[in-house]
Amino acid sequence: MNSQTKRQSPNAQRLLFLARRGLSLSEQILARLHSAGISCDATLRVVTTDSGEMAIHGRESGGAVAEIGHYVGFCKPDGSALGWLYPIRNFMPNGPHAVVVAGELVRLDMYRFETSYDLLITRHWLKRLNHGQKPKLWNELVFYARFGTLERELWGKDKMFRGGIAPQFFQANGQQAVIPQQFHHAVLKMTEAVTCTKCHHCHLLEPPIAGTQRDLGLSEAEVALATV
């Protein structure tokens, strides 16, 4: 699924919107997250690096309180960890944790209310349609399911299981909705993230390998990135 698909059905258009923007949460849910002090940003944008290359910019963010949680994280298309550009230190919990800049990435977006979970996994990359044009951001839906179940209070008495279990998701016909195997570990970390109360740290992004930032042609500060 990509941003150039034409004449789509209403359902296909809705799924494309999710692939671009992230989970579509109701105003009531967003208001509850705001009142709980949980700030989560699924926005992706195309930026220009110091070397003139184009890349995708995102922010890992979110956290939880006992009742509710929301988190956006990132990994590589093969499910392995991505290195951050830089971490974000904030005395307020459950907000932005780190910035990532990459040519291709997978975004995971999970929402939890008590023991019910929604999960969206999308892949994003840059592609030129014609020679000489700037690359466009393309988006693909990898996995989407709502009302997954996990009857454990991972934010409380069952927190010893965090990072080792994930919710089960089901299709309308009752069959289990299977998450692609390469993202199994990332989904475990996301489940941990949406039950991590007063979260101050990244759950998916990791410190970069030495030299990676220089290879991308990136400066130390986000202000060196020019939005296209």
N, C-alpha and C. Protein backbone atom coordinates (compact mmCIF):
# COMPACT_ATOMS: atom_id res chain seq x y z
N MET A 1 0.85 -1.19 0.00
CA MET A 1 0.00 0.00 0.00
C MET A 1 0.88 1.23 0.00
N ASN A 2 0.62 2.20 -0.87
CA ASN A 2 1.46 3.39 -0.92
C ASN A 2 0.63 4.61 -1.23
N SER A 3 1.30 5.77 -1.12
CA SER A 3 0.60 7.04 -1.21
C SER A 3 0.20 7.40 -2.64
N GLN A 4 0.60 6.60 -3.62
CA GLN A 4 0.26 6.92 -4.99
C GLN A 4 -0.91 6.08 -5.53
N THR A 5 -1.49 5.19 -4.70
CA THR A 5 -2.59 4.36 -5.14
C THR A 5 -3.83 5.21 -5.41
N LYS A 6 -4.52 4.92 -6.55
CA LYS A 6 -5.64 5.73 -6.97
C LYS A 6 -6.93 4.92 -6.91
N ARG A 7 -8.09 5.63 -6.84
CA ARG A 7 -9.41 5.04 -6.91
C ARG A 7 -9.57 3.89 -5.93
N GLN A 8 -9.34 4.18 -4.67
CA GLN A 8 -9.43 3.16 -3.64
C GLN A 8 -10.83 3.14 -3.05
N SER A 9 -11.18 1.99 -2.48
CA SER A 9 -12.42 1.88 -1.74
C SER A 9 -12.30 2.69 -0.45
N PRO A 10 -13.46 3.03 0.18
CA PRO A 10 -13.38 3.78 1.45
C PRO A 10 -12.54 3.07 2.50
N ASN A 11 -12.64 1.73 2.58
CA ASN A 11 -11.85 1.01 3.57
C ASN A 11 -10.36 1.08 3.25
N ALA A 12 -10.01 0.98 1.95
CA ALA A 12 -8.61 1.08 1.56
C ALA A 12 -8.06 2.47 1.85
N GLN A 13 -8.90 3.51 1.64
CA GLN A 13 -8.48 4.87 1.95
C GLN A 13 -8.23 5.04 3.44
N ARG A 14 -9.08 4.41 4.26
CA ARG A 14 -8.90 4.49 5.71
C ARG A 14 -7.60 3.82 6.13
N LEU A 15 -7.30 2.65 5.56
CA LEU A 15 -6.07 1.95 5.89
C LEU A 15 -4.85 2.73 5.43
N LEU A 16 -4.96 3.39 4.27
CA LEU A 16 -3.86 4.22 3.80
C LEU A 16 -3.62 5.40 4.73
N PHE A 17 -4.72 5.99 5.24
CA PHE A 17 -4.60 7.08 6.19
C PHE A 17 -3.87 6.61 7.45
N LEU A 18 -4.22 5.41 7.93
CA LEU A 18 -3.53 4.86 9.10
C LEU A 18 -2.05 4.67 8.82
N ALA A 19 -1.73 4.15 7.63
CA ALA A 19 -0.33 3.92 7.28
C ALA A 19 0.46 5.22 7.28
N ARG A 20 -0.18 6.31 6.88
CA ARG A 20 0.50 7.60 6.85
C ARG A 20 0.62 8.22 8.24
N ARG A 21 -0.50 8.25 8.96
CA ARG A 21 -0.61 9.09 10.16
C ARG A 21 -0.47 8.34 11.48
N GLY A 22 -0.67 7.02 11.49
CA GLY A 22 -0.67 6.30 12.76
C GLY A 22 -2.09 6.00 13.21
N LEU A 23 -2.22 5.43 14.40
CA LEU A 23 -3.53 5.06 14.92
C LEU A 23 -4.48 6.25 14.95
N SER A 24 -5.73 5.99 14.59
CA SER A 24 -6.77 7.02 14.63
C SER A 24 -7.56 6.84 15.92
N LEU A 25 -7.27 7.68 16.89
CA LEU A 25 -7.92 7.60 18.20
C LEU A 25 -8.99 8.67 18.33
N SER A 26 -10.06 8.35 19.03
CA SER A 26 -11.18 9.27 19.18
C SER A 26 -10.77 10.48 20.02
N GLU A 27 -11.55 11.54 19.92
CA GLU A 27 -11.28 12.74 20.70
C GLU A 27 -11.33 12.46 22.19
N GLN A 28 -12.24 11.56 22.60
CA GLN A 28 -12.34 11.21 24.02
C GLN A 28 -11.08 10.52 24.51
N ILE A 29 -10.54 9.61 23.68
CA ILE A 29 -9.31 8.91 24.07
C ILE A 29 -8.14 9.88 24.12
N LEU A 30 -8.05 10.75 23.11
CA LEU A 30 -6.96 11.74 23.10
C LEU A 30 -7.04 12.66 24.30
N ALA A 31 -8.27 13.04 24.67
CA ALA A 31 -8.44 13.89 25.85
C ALA A 31 -8.01 13.17 27.12
N ARG A 32 -8.33 11.87 27.20
CA ARG A 32 -7.93 11.09 28.39
C ARG A 32 -6.41 10.94 28.44
N LEU A 33 -5.79 10.69 27.31
CA LEU A 33 -4.33 10.60 27.28
C LEU A 33 -3.70 11.92 27.69
N HIS A 34 -4.25 13.02 27.20
CA HIS A 34 -3.73 14.34 27.56
C HIS A 34 -3.86 14.60 29.05
N SER A 35 -5.01 14.26 29.61
CA SER A 35 -5.22 14.49 31.05
C SER A 35 -4.31 13.61 31.89
N ALA A 36 -3.92 12.46 31.33
CA ALA A 36 -3.01 11.56 32.05
C ALA A 36 -1.54 11.96 31.87
N GLY A 37 -1.30 12.98 31.04
CA GLY A 37 0.07 13.45 30.83
C GLY A 37 0.86 12.59 29.85
N ILE A 38 0.16 11.86 28.96
CA ILE A 38 0.83 11.01 27.97
C ILE A 38 0.86 11.73 26.63
N SER A 39 2.06 12.00 26.13
CA SER A 39 2.23 12.72 24.86
C SER A 39 2.92 11.81 23.86
N CYS A 40 2.21 11.51 22.77
CA CYS A 40 2.71 10.55 21.79
C CYS A 40 2.57 11.14 20.39
N ASP A 41 3.62 11.05 19.59
CA ASP A 41 3.63 11.69 18.27
C ASP A 41 4.05 10.68 17.21
N ALA A 42 3.11 10.34 16.32
CA ALA A 42 3.39 9.38 15.25
C ALA A 42 3.81 10.06 13.95
N THR A 43 3.96 11.38 13.95
CA THR A 43 4.25 12.14 12.73
C THR A 43 5.62 11.77 12.16
N LEU A 44 5.66 11.58 10.85
CA LEU A 44 6.91 11.39 10.11
C LEU A 44 7.06 12.53 9.13
N ARG A 45 8.29 12.99 8.92
CA ARG A 45 8.54 14.01 7.93
C ARG A 45 9.85 13.74 7.21
N VAL A 46 9.93 14.27 6.01
CA VAL A 46 11.13 14.10 5.20
C VAL A 46 12.05 15.29 5.45
N VAL A 47 13.32 15.00 5.73
CA VAL A 47 14.30 16.05 6.03
C VAL A 47 15.52 15.89 5.13
N THR A 48 16.31 16.95 5.05
CA THR A 48 17.55 16.94 4.29
C THR A 48 18.73 16.92 5.26
N THR A 49 19.63 15.98 5.09
CA THR A 49 20.80 15.90 5.95
C THR A 49 21.86 16.89 5.50
N ASP A 50 22.90 17.05 6.31
CA ASP A 50 23.99 17.96 5.97
C ASP A 50 24.64 17.62 4.64
N SER A 51 24.63 16.33 4.27
CA SER A 51 25.27 15.91 3.03
C SER A 51 24.34 16.05 1.82
N GLY A 52 23.11 16.53 2.05
CA GLY A 52 22.17 16.72 0.96
C GLY A 52 21.28 15.53 0.69
N GLU A 53 21.48 14.44 1.44
CA GLU A 53 20.63 13.27 1.27
C GLU A 53 19.29 13.48 1.98
N MET A 54 18.25 12.80 1.48
CA MET A 54 16.94 12.85 2.10
C MET A 54 16.78 11.69 3.07
N ALA A 55 16.03 11.93 4.15
CA ALA A 55 15.83 10.89 5.15
C ALA A 55 14.49 11.11 5.84
N ILE A 56 14.06 10.12 6.61
CA ILE A 56 12.78 10.16 7.34
C ILE A 56 13.07 10.47 8.79
N HIS A 57 12.32 11.42 9.34
CA HIS A 57 12.50 11.89 10.72
C HIS A 57 11.28 11.50 11.55
N GLY A 58 11.51 10.91 12.71
CA GLY A 58 10.43 10.56 13.62
C GLY A 58 10.88 10.69 15.06
N ARG A 59 9.92 10.65 15.97
CA ARG A 59 10.22 10.73 17.40
C ARG A 59 9.59 9.55 18.14
N GLU A 60 10.41 8.82 18.87
CA GLU A 60 9.87 7.79 19.75
C GLU A 60 9.31 8.48 20.99
N SER A 61 8.10 8.11 21.37
CA SER A 61 7.43 8.87 22.44
C SER A 61 6.31 8.05 23.06
N GLY A 62 5.92 8.48 24.27
CA GLY A 62 4.77 7.89 24.94
C GLY A 62 5.12 7.28 26.28
N GLY A 63 4.17 6.52 26.80
CA GLY A 63 4.30 5.89 28.11
C GLY A 63 2.94 5.50 28.63
N ALA A 64 2.78 5.47 29.94
CA ALA A 64 1.54 4.94 30.49
C ALA A 64 1.28 5.44 31.91
N VAL A 65 0.02 5.34 32.27
CA VAL A 65 -0.42 5.33 33.67
C VAL A 65 -1.13 3.99 33.83
N ALA A 66 -1.62 3.69 35.03
CA ALA A 66 -2.19 2.37 35.26
C ALA A 66 -3.34 2.06 34.30
N GLU A 67 -4.19 3.01 34.05
CA GLU A 67 -5.40 2.75 33.27
C GLU A 67 -5.16 2.70 31.76
N ILE A 68 -4.22 3.52 31.28
CA ILE A 68 -4.13 3.77 29.84
C ILE A 68 -2.68 3.99 29.42
N GLY A 69 -2.37 3.64 28.17
CA GLY A 69 -1.02 3.86 27.65
C GLY A 69 -1.02 4.03 26.14
N HIS A 70 -0.04 4.74 25.63
CA HIS A 70 0.12 4.94 24.18
C HIS A 70 1.60 5.15 23.91
N TYR A 71 2.10 4.48 22.87
CA TYR A 71 3.53 4.57 22.57
C TYR A 71 3.76 4.41 21.08
N VAL A 72 4.70 5.19 20.56
CA VAL A 72 5.16 5.07 19.17
C VAL A 72 6.66 4.77 19.21
N GLY A 73 7.05 3.69 18.55
CA GLY A 73 8.46 3.31 18.50
C GLY A 73 8.87 2.92 17.09
N PHE A 74 10.17 2.68 16.90
CA PHE A 74 10.70 2.43 15.56
C PHE A 74 11.72 1.30 15.58
N CYS A 75 11.77 0.58 14.47
CA CYS A 75 12.80 -0.44 14.28
C CYS A 75 13.13 -0.51 12.80
N LYS A 76 14.07 -1.38 12.44
CA LYS A 76 14.42 -1.60 11.04
C LYS A 76 13.39 -2.52 10.38
N PRO A 77 13.33 -2.55 9.05
CA PRO A 77 12.37 -3.43 8.37
C PRO A 77 12.54 -4.91 8.69
N ASP A 78 13.73 -5.32 9.12
CA ASP A 78 13.92 -6.72 9.51
C ASP A 78 13.60 -6.95 10.98
N GLY A 79 13.12 -5.90 11.68
CA GLY A 79 12.75 -6.03 13.09
C GLY A 79 13.86 -5.72 14.06
N SER A 80 15.08 -5.54 13.59
CA SER A 80 16.20 -5.26 14.49
C SER A 80 16.18 -3.79 14.93
N ALA A 81 16.99 -3.49 15.93
CA ALA A 81 16.95 -2.17 16.55
C ALA A 81 17.56 -1.10 15.65
N LEU A 82 16.97 0.09 15.71
CA LEU A 82 17.51 1.28 15.06
C LEU A 82 18.24 2.12 16.11
N GLY A 83 19.30 2.81 15.68
CA GLY A 83 19.96 3.75 16.57
C GLY A 83 19.32 5.12 16.50
N TRP A 84 19.21 5.79 17.63
CA TRP A 84 18.65 7.13 17.62
C TRP A 84 19.67 8.16 17.11
N LEU A 85 19.15 9.29 16.66
CA LEU A 85 20.02 10.42 16.34
C LEU A 85 20.49 11.06 17.63
N TYR A 86 19.56 11.30 18.54
CA TYR A 86 19.90 11.75 19.89
C TYR A 86 18.72 11.50 20.82
N PRO A 87 18.99 11.27 22.10
CA PRO A 87 17.91 11.09 23.07
C PRO A 87 17.37 12.45 23.51
N ILE A 88 16.15 12.46 24.01
CA ILE A 88 15.52 13.66 24.55
C ILE A 88 15.36 13.48 26.05
N ARG A 89 15.94 14.38 26.82
CA ARG A 89 15.83 14.33 28.27
C ARG A 89 14.77 15.32 28.72
N ASN A 90 13.79 14.86 29.48
CA ASN A 90 12.69 15.70 29.91
C ASN A 90 12.28 15.31 31.31
N PHE A 91 12.10 16.28 32.19
CA PHE A 91 11.70 15.94 33.56
C PHE A 91 10.26 15.44 33.61
N MET A 92 9.46 15.75 32.56
CA MET A 92 8.10 15.24 32.49
C MET A 92 8.11 13.84 31.86
N PRO A 93 7.48 12.85 32.50
CA PRO A 93 7.47 11.49 31.94
C PRO A 93 6.45 11.35 30.82
N ASN A 94 6.50 10.20 30.15
CA ASN A 94 5.49 9.80 29.15
C ASN A 94 5.40 10.77 27.97
N GLY A 95 6.55 11.30 27.57
CA GLY A 95 6.59 12.22 26.43
C GLY A 95 7.58 11.76 25.39
N PRO A 96 8.22 12.68 24.66
CA PRO A 96 9.23 12.29 23.67
C PRO A 96 10.49 11.75 24.34
N HIS A 97 11.09 10.71 23.72
CA HIS A 97 12.26 10.06 24.31
C HIS A 97 13.50 10.15 23.43
N ALA A 98 13.32 10.14 22.10
CA ALA A 98 14.49 10.19 21.21
C ALA A 98 14.02 10.52 19.80
N VAL A 99 14.95 11.04 19.01
CA VAL A 99 14.72 11.34 17.59
C VAL A 99 15.45 10.30 16.75
N VAL A 100 14.78 9.84 15.69
CA VAL A 100 15.40 8.91 14.74
C VAL A 100 15.37 9.54 13.36
N VAL A 101 16.43 9.34 12.60
CA VAL A 101 16.51 9.76 11.20
C VAL A 101 17.09 8.60 10.41
N ALA A 102 16.34 8.12 9.40
CA ALA A 102 16.77 6.95 8.64
C ALA A 102 16.19 7.01 7.23
N GLY A 103 16.81 6.30 6.32
CA GLY A 103 16.30 6.24 4.96
C GLY A 103 15.09 5.34 4.81
N GLU A 104 14.95 4.38 5.72
CA GLU A 104 13.82 3.45 5.74
C GLU A 104 13.64 2.98 7.17
N LEU A 105 12.39 2.84 7.59
CA LEU A 105 12.12 2.40 8.96
C LEU A 105 10.73 1.78 9.06
N VAL A 106 10.50 1.12 10.17
CA VAL A 106 9.18 0.60 10.53
C VAL A 106 8.71 1.32 11.78
N ARG A 107 7.47 1.80 11.74
CA ARG A 107 6.87 2.48 12.89
C ARG A 107 5.86 1.53 13.55
N LEU A 108 5.95 1.42 14.87
CA LEU A 108 4.99 0.65 15.65
C LEU A 108 4.22 1.61 16.54
N ASP A 109 2.91 1.50 16.52
CA ASP A 109 2.03 2.41 17.25
C ASP A 109 1.05 1.55 18.04
N MET A 110 1.14 1.60 19.37
CA MET A 110 0.29 0.77 20.23
C MET A 110 -0.45 1.62 21.25
N TYR A 111 -1.74 1.31 21.40
CA TYR A 111 -2.60 1.97 22.40
C TYR A 111 -3.16 0.90 23.33
N ARG A 112 -3.22 1.21 24.61
CA ARG A 112 -3.78 0.28 25.60
C ARG A 112 -4.80 0.98 26.48
N PHE A 113 -5.93 0.32 26.72
CA PHE A 113 -6.84 0.71 27.79
C PHE A 113 -7.02 -0.51 28.68
N GLU A 114 -6.54 -0.39 29.92
CA GLU A 114 -6.54 -1.51 30.87
C GLU A 114 -5.87 -2.72 30.23
N THR A 115 -6.60 -3.80 29.90
CA THR A 115 -5.97 -4.99 29.32
C THR A 115 -6.38 -5.20 27.86
N SER A 116 -6.81 -4.14 27.20
CA SER A 116 -7.17 -4.19 25.79
C SER A 116 -6.18 -3.35 24.98
N TYR A 117 -5.74 -3.89 23.83
CA TYR A 117 -4.64 -3.28 23.08
C TYR A 117 -5.00 -3.12 21.60
N ASP A 118 -4.59 -2.00 21.00
CA ASP A 118 -4.62 -1.79 19.55
C ASP A 118 -3.17 -1.70 19.07
N LEU A 119 -2.90 -2.27 17.89
CA LEU A 119 -1.53 -2.26 17.36
C LEU A 119 -1.54 -1.97 15.87
N LEU A 120 -0.68 -1.04 15.48
CA LEU A 120 -0.47 -0.71 14.06
C LEU A 120 1.03 -0.77 13.77
N ILE A 121 1.39 -1.52 12.72
CA ILE A 121 2.77 -1.60 12.27
C ILE A 121 2.81 -1.15 10.81
N THR A 122 3.66 -0.18 10.50
CA THR A 122 3.74 0.35 9.14
C THR A 122 5.20 0.49 8.72
N ARG A 123 5.45 0.30 7.42
CA ARG A 123 6.80 0.48 6.87
C ARG A 123 6.84 1.75 6.05
N HIS A 124 7.96 2.47 6.12
CA HIS A 124 8.09 3.77 5.44
C HIS A 124 9.46 3.86 4.76
N TRP A 125 9.45 4.36 3.53
CA TRP A 125 10.69 4.52 2.78
C TRP A 125 10.55 5.66 1.79
N LEU A 126 11.67 6.06 1.20
CA LEU A 126 11.69 7.15 0.23
C LEU A 126 11.89 6.59 -1.17
N LYS A 127 11.16 7.17 -2.13
CA LYS A 127 11.24 6.68 -3.51
C LYS A 127 11.06 7.83 -4.48
N ARG A 128 11.90 7.87 -5.51
CA ARG A 128 11.77 8.85 -6.59
C ARG A 128 10.91 8.25 -7.71
N LEU A 129 9.90 8.98 -8.13
CA LEU A 129 9.07 8.52 -9.24
C LEU A 129 9.70 8.83 -10.58
N ASN A 130 10.41 9.97 -10.66
CA ASN A 130 11.07 10.38 -11.89
C ASN A 130 12.46 10.90 -11.58
N HIS A 131 13.36 10.73 -12.52
CA HIS A 131 14.72 11.20 -12.34
C HIS A 131 14.74 12.72 -12.16
N GLY A 132 15.48 13.17 -11.16
CA GLY A 132 15.59 14.59 -10.89
C GLY A 132 14.58 15.11 -9.89
N GLN A 133 13.53 14.33 -9.60
CA GLN A 133 12.55 14.76 -8.60
C GLN A 133 13.01 14.40 -7.20
N LYS A 134 12.52 15.15 -6.24
CA LYS A 134 12.79 14.81 -4.85
C LYS A 134 12.04 13.54 -4.48
N PRO A 135 12.64 12.69 -3.66
CA PRO A 135 11.95 11.46 -3.28
C PRO A 135 10.72 11.75 -2.42
N LYS A 136 9.72 10.90 -2.57
CA LYS A 136 8.49 11.00 -1.80
C LYS A 136 8.49 9.95 -0.69
N LEU A 137 7.71 10.24 0.35
CA LEU A 137 7.55 9.28 1.45
C LEU A 137 6.47 8.27 1.06
N TRP A 138 6.85 7.00 1.05
CA TRP A 138 5.92 5.92 0.75
C TRP A 138 5.62 5.15 2.04
N ASN A 139 4.39 4.64 2.12
CA ASN A 139 3.91 4.03 3.36
C ASN A 139 3.23 2.70 3.05
N GLU A 140 3.51 1.70 3.87
CA GLU A 140 2.91 0.38 3.68
C GLU A 140 2.36 -0.13 5.01
N LEU A 141 1.13 -0.61 4.99
CA LEU A 141 0.53 -1.22 6.17
C LEU A 141 1.05 -2.64 6.32
N VAL A 142 1.67 -2.94 7.46
CA VAL A 142 2.21 -4.27 7.72
C VAL A 142 1.26 -5.10 8.57
N PHE A 143 0.71 -4.48 9.62
CA PHE A 143 -0.20 -5.18 10.54
C PHE A 143 -1.08 -4.16 11.23
N TYR A 144 -2.36 -4.50 11.35
CA TYR A 144 -3.29 -3.64 12.09
C TYR A 144 -4.37 -4.50 12.73
N ALA A 145 -4.55 -4.36 14.03
CA ALA A 145 -5.59 -5.09 14.73
C ALA A 145 -5.99 -4.31 15.98
N ARG A 146 -7.26 -4.49 16.37
CA ARG A 146 -7.79 -3.79 17.53
C ARG A 146 -8.25 -4.80 18.59
N PHE A 147 -8.33 -4.31 19.80
CA PHE A 147 -8.90 -5.06 20.93
C PHE A 147 -8.17 -6.38 21.19
N GLY A 148 -6.84 -6.33 21.07
CA GLY A 148 -6.06 -7.47 21.51
C GLY A 148 -6.18 -7.65 23.01
N THR A 149 -6.02 -8.86 23.47
CA THR A 149 -6.23 -9.15 24.89
C THR A 149 -4.96 -9.68 25.54
N LEU A 150 -4.75 -9.22 26.75
CA LEU A 150 -3.66 -9.70 27.59
C LEU A 150 -4.08 -9.48 29.04
N GLU A 151 -4.55 -10.53 29.67
CA GLU A 151 -5.12 -10.39 31.01
C GLU A 151 -4.04 -10.43 32.08
N ARG A 152 -3.16 -9.47 32.00
CA ARG A 152 -2.10 -9.27 33.00
C ARG A 152 -2.01 -7.79 33.32
N GLU A 153 -1.86 -7.47 34.58
CA GLU A 153 -1.68 -6.07 34.99
C GLU A 153 -0.18 -5.75 34.95
N LEU A 154 0.32 -5.54 33.73
CA LEU A 154 1.76 -5.34 33.56
C LEU A 154 2.25 -4.03 34.16
N TRP A 155 1.34 -3.11 34.43
CA TRP A 155 1.71 -1.84 35.06
C TRP A 155 1.75 -1.97 36.59
N GLY A 156 1.32 -3.11 37.11
CA GLY A 156 1.20 -3.28 38.56
C GLY A 156 1.72 -4.61 39.05
N LYS A 157 0.82 -5.45 39.53
CA LYS A 157 1.22 -6.69 40.21
C LYS A 157 1.89 -7.70 39.29
N ASP A 158 1.70 -7.56 37.97
CA ASP A 158 2.31 -8.50 37.02
C ASP A 158 3.47 -7.89 36.24
N LYS A 159 4.06 -6.82 36.76
CA LYS A 159 5.10 -6.12 35.99
C LYS A 159 6.35 -6.97 35.76
N MET A 160 6.51 -8.06 36.51
CA MET A 160 7.66 -8.92 36.29
C MET A 160 7.60 -9.62 34.93
N PHE A 161 6.42 -9.62 34.30
CA PHE A 161 6.27 -10.24 32.98
C PHE A 161 6.51 -9.27 31.83
N ARG A 162 6.70 -7.99 32.14
CA ARG A 162 6.89 -7.00 31.08
C ARG A 162 8.11 -7.32 30.25
N GLY A 163 7.96 -7.20 28.93
CA GLY A 163 9.05 -7.50 28.01
C GLY A 163 9.08 -8.95 27.58
N GLY A 164 8.22 -9.79 28.17
CA GLY A 164 8.22 -11.21 27.85
C GLY A 164 6.91 -11.73 27.29
N ILE A 165 5.86 -10.92 27.31
CA ILE A 165 4.56 -11.34 26.78
C ILE A 165 3.94 -10.20 25.99
N ALA A 166 3.00 -10.56 25.11
CA ALA A 166 2.32 -9.59 24.26
C ALA A 166 0.86 -10.01 24.11
N PRO A 167 -0.01 -9.08 23.78
CA PRO A 167 -1.43 -9.42 23.60
C PRO A 167 -1.66 -10.31 22.38
N GLN A 168 -2.78 -11.03 22.41
CA GLN A 168 -3.23 -11.79 21.26
C GLN A 168 -4.27 -10.98 20.51
N PHE A 169 -4.20 -11.03 19.19
CA PHE A 169 -5.15 -10.32 18.35
C PHE A 169 -5.92 -11.33 17.49
N PHE A 170 -7.18 -10.98 17.18
CA PHE A 170 -8.02 -11.89 16.43
C PHE A 170 -8.70 -11.17 15.27
N GLN A 171 -8.93 -11.93 14.19
CA GLN A 171 -9.66 -11.43 13.05
C GLN A 171 -11.16 -11.55 13.31
N ALA A 172 -11.96 -10.96 12.41
CA ALA A 172 -13.42 -10.98 12.58
C ALA A 172 -13.99 -12.39 12.58
N ASN A 173 -13.30 -13.34 11.89
CA ASN A 173 -13.79 -14.71 11.83
C ASN A 173 -13.33 -15.56 13.01
N GLY A 174 -12.64 -14.94 13.96
CA GLY A 174 -12.20 -15.66 15.15
C GLY A 174 -10.80 -16.23 15.06
N GLN A 175 -10.22 -16.23 13.87
CA GLN A 175 -8.85 -16.71 13.74
C GLN A 175 -7.86 -15.70 14.30
N GLN A 176 -6.75 -16.21 14.80
CA GLN A 176 -5.75 -15.32 15.36
C GLN A 176 -5.09 -14.49 14.27
N ALA A 177 -4.94 -13.20 14.52
CA ALA A 177 -4.21 -12.32 13.61
C ALA A 177 -2.73 -12.43 13.94
N VAL A 178 -1.97 -12.97 13.02
CA VAL A 178 -0.57 -13.30 13.28
C VAL A 178 0.32 -12.12 12.94
N ILE A 179 1.10 -11.67 13.91
CA ILE A 179 2.08 -10.60 13.70
C ILE A 179 3.29 -11.19 12.97
N PRO A 180 3.81 -10.52 11.93
CA PRO A 180 5.00 -11.03 11.24
C PRO A 180 6.13 -11.36 12.23
N GLN A 181 6.74 -12.51 12.03
CA GLN A 181 7.69 -13.05 12.99
C GLN A 181 8.84 -12.08 13.28
N GLN A 182 9.30 -11.34 12.26
CA GLN A 182 10.46 -10.48 12.48
C GLN A 182 10.17 -9.34 13.46
N PHE A 183 8.88 -9.06 13.72
CA PHE A 183 8.53 -7.98 14.63
C PHE A 183 8.09 -8.48 16.01
N HIS A 184 8.27 -9.78 16.25
CA HIS A 184 7.83 -10.35 17.53
C HIS A 184 8.51 -9.66 18.71
N HIS A 185 9.83 -9.51 18.63
CA HIS A 185 10.55 -8.88 19.74
C HIS A 185 10.14 -7.42 19.90
N ALA A 186 9.98 -6.70 18.79
CA ALA A 186 9.58 -5.29 18.86
C ALA A 186 8.20 -5.14 19.50
N VAL A 187 7.28 -6.06 19.22
CA VAL A 187 5.95 -6.00 19.83
C VAL A 187 6.01 -6.29 21.33
N LEU A 188 6.89 -7.18 21.73
CA LEU A 188 7.11 -7.40 23.17
C LEU A 188 7.56 -6.10 23.84
N LYS A 189 8.47 -5.38 23.19
CA LYS A 189 8.96 -4.12 23.74
C LYS A 189 7.87 -3.05 23.74
N MET A 190 7.01 -3.05 22.71
CA MET A 190 5.91 -2.10 22.67
C MET A 190 4.90 -2.38 23.78
N THR A 191 4.63 -3.64 24.03
CA THR A 191 3.72 -4.01 25.12
C THR A 191 4.30 -3.54 26.46
N GLU A 192 5.60 -3.68 26.60
CA GLU A 192 6.28 -3.16 27.78
C GLU A 192 6.12 -1.65 27.87
N ALA A 193 6.22 -0.97 26.72
CA ALA A 193 6.19 0.50 26.71
C ALA A 193 4.83 1.05 27.12
N VAL A 194 3.73 0.44 26.65
CA VAL A 194 2.39 0.97 26.96
C VAL A 194 1.93 0.58 28.35
N THR A 195 2.78 -0.12 29.10
CA THR A 195 2.49 -0.42 30.51
C THR A 195 3.58 0.14 31.43
N CYS A 196 4.47 0.94 30.84
CA CYS A 196 5.58 1.54 31.60
C CYS A 196 5.12 2.88 32.17
N THR A 197 4.75 2.90 33.43
CA THR A 197 4.26 4.13 34.05
C THR A 197 5.42 5.07 34.35
N LYS A 198 5.15 6.38 34.20
CA LYS A 198 6.16 7.41 34.40
C LYS A 198 7.41 7.12 33.56
N CYS A 199 7.18 6.84 32.27
CA CYS A 199 8.25 6.40 31.38
C CYS A 199 9.19 7.56 31.03
N HIS A 200 10.48 7.33 31.21
CA HIS A 200 11.50 8.33 30.90
C HIS A 200 12.53 7.81 29.89
N HIS A 201 12.31 6.65 29.28
CA HIS A 201 13.36 6.06 28.45
C HIS A 201 12.77 5.41 27.19
N CYS A 202 13.66 5.16 26.21
CA CYS A 202 13.27 4.47 24.98
C CYS A 202 13.09 2.98 25.24
N HIS A 203 12.14 2.39 24.53
CA HIS A 203 11.94 0.95 24.60
C HIS A 203 12.40 0.25 23.32
N LEU A 204 12.44 0.96 22.19
CA LEU A 204 12.88 0.35 20.94
C LEU A 204 14.18 0.95 20.41
N LEU A 205 14.23 2.26 20.26
CA LEU A 205 15.46 2.89 19.76
C LEU A 205 16.59 2.67 20.74
N GLU A 206 17.81 2.56 20.19
CA GLU A 206 18.99 2.31 21.00
C GLU A 206 20.08 3.32 20.68
N PRO A 207 21.10 3.44 21.54
CA PRO A 207 22.23 4.33 21.20
C PRO A 207 22.84 3.91 19.87
N PRO A 208 23.23 4.88 19.03
CA PRO A 208 23.75 4.54 17.70
C PRO A 208 25.13 3.91 17.77
N ILE A 209 25.43 3.09 16.77
CA ILE A 209 26.77 2.54 16.63
C ILE A 209 27.71 3.67 16.21
N ALA A 210 28.90 3.69 16.74
CA ALA A 210 29.86 4.76 16.44
C ALA A 210 30.04 4.90 14.94
N GLY A 211 29.91 6.15 14.45
CA GLY A 211 30.11 6.44 13.04
C GLY A 211 28.84 6.50 12.24
N THR A 212 27.73 5.93 12.76
CA THR A 212 26.48 5.91 12.01
C THR A 212 25.97 7.31 11.73
N GLN A 213 26.05 8.16 12.74
CA GLN A 213 25.57 9.53 12.57
C GLN A 213 26.37 10.27 11.51
N ARG A 214 27.68 10.06 11.50
CA ARG A 214 28.52 10.71 10.50
C ARG A 214 28.22 10.16 9.10
N ASP A 215 27.95 8.85 9.02
CA ASP A 215 27.66 8.24 7.73
C ASP A 215 26.40 8.84 7.11
N LEU A 216 25.43 9.23 7.94
CA LEU A 216 24.22 9.86 7.44
C LEU A 216 24.42 11.32 7.09
N GLY A 217 25.57 11.89 7.48
CA GLY A 217 25.82 13.29 7.23
C GLY A 217 25.01 14.17 8.17
N LEU A 218 24.83 13.75 9.41
CA LEU A 218 23.98 14.46 10.36
C LEU A 218 24.82 15.23 11.36
N SER A 219 24.30 16.38 11.74
CA SER A 219 24.95 17.17 12.78
C SER A 219 24.40 16.75 14.13
N GLU A 220 24.95 17.34 15.19
CA GLU A 220 24.54 16.95 16.52
C GLU A 220 23.16 17.48 16.88
N ALA A 221 22.72 18.53 16.24
CA ALA A 221 21.47 19.19 16.63
C ALA A 221 20.40 19.01 15.58
N GLU A 222 19.16 18.91 16.01
CA GLU A 222 18.05 18.76 15.09
C GLU A 222 17.86 19.98 14.22
N VAL A 223 18.32 21.14 14.68
CA VAL A 223 18.16 22.35 13.89
C VAL A 223 18.94 22.29 12.59
N ALA A 224 19.91 21.38 12.48
CA ALA A 224 20.66 21.23 11.24
C ALA A 224 19.85 20.51 10.17
N LEU A 225 18.66 19.99 10.54
CA LEU A 225 17.80 19.31 9.61
C LEU A 225 16.82 20.29 9.02
N ALA A 226 16.77 20.40 7.70
CA ALA A 226 15.87 21.32 7.04
C ALA A 226 14.66 20.56 6.51
N THR A 227 13.48 20.94 6.94
CA THR A 227 12.28 20.27 6.50
C THR A 227 12.02 20.57 5.03
N VAL A 228 11.69 19.53 4.28
CA VAL A 228 11.42 19.71 2.85
C VAL A 228 10.01 20.25 2.65
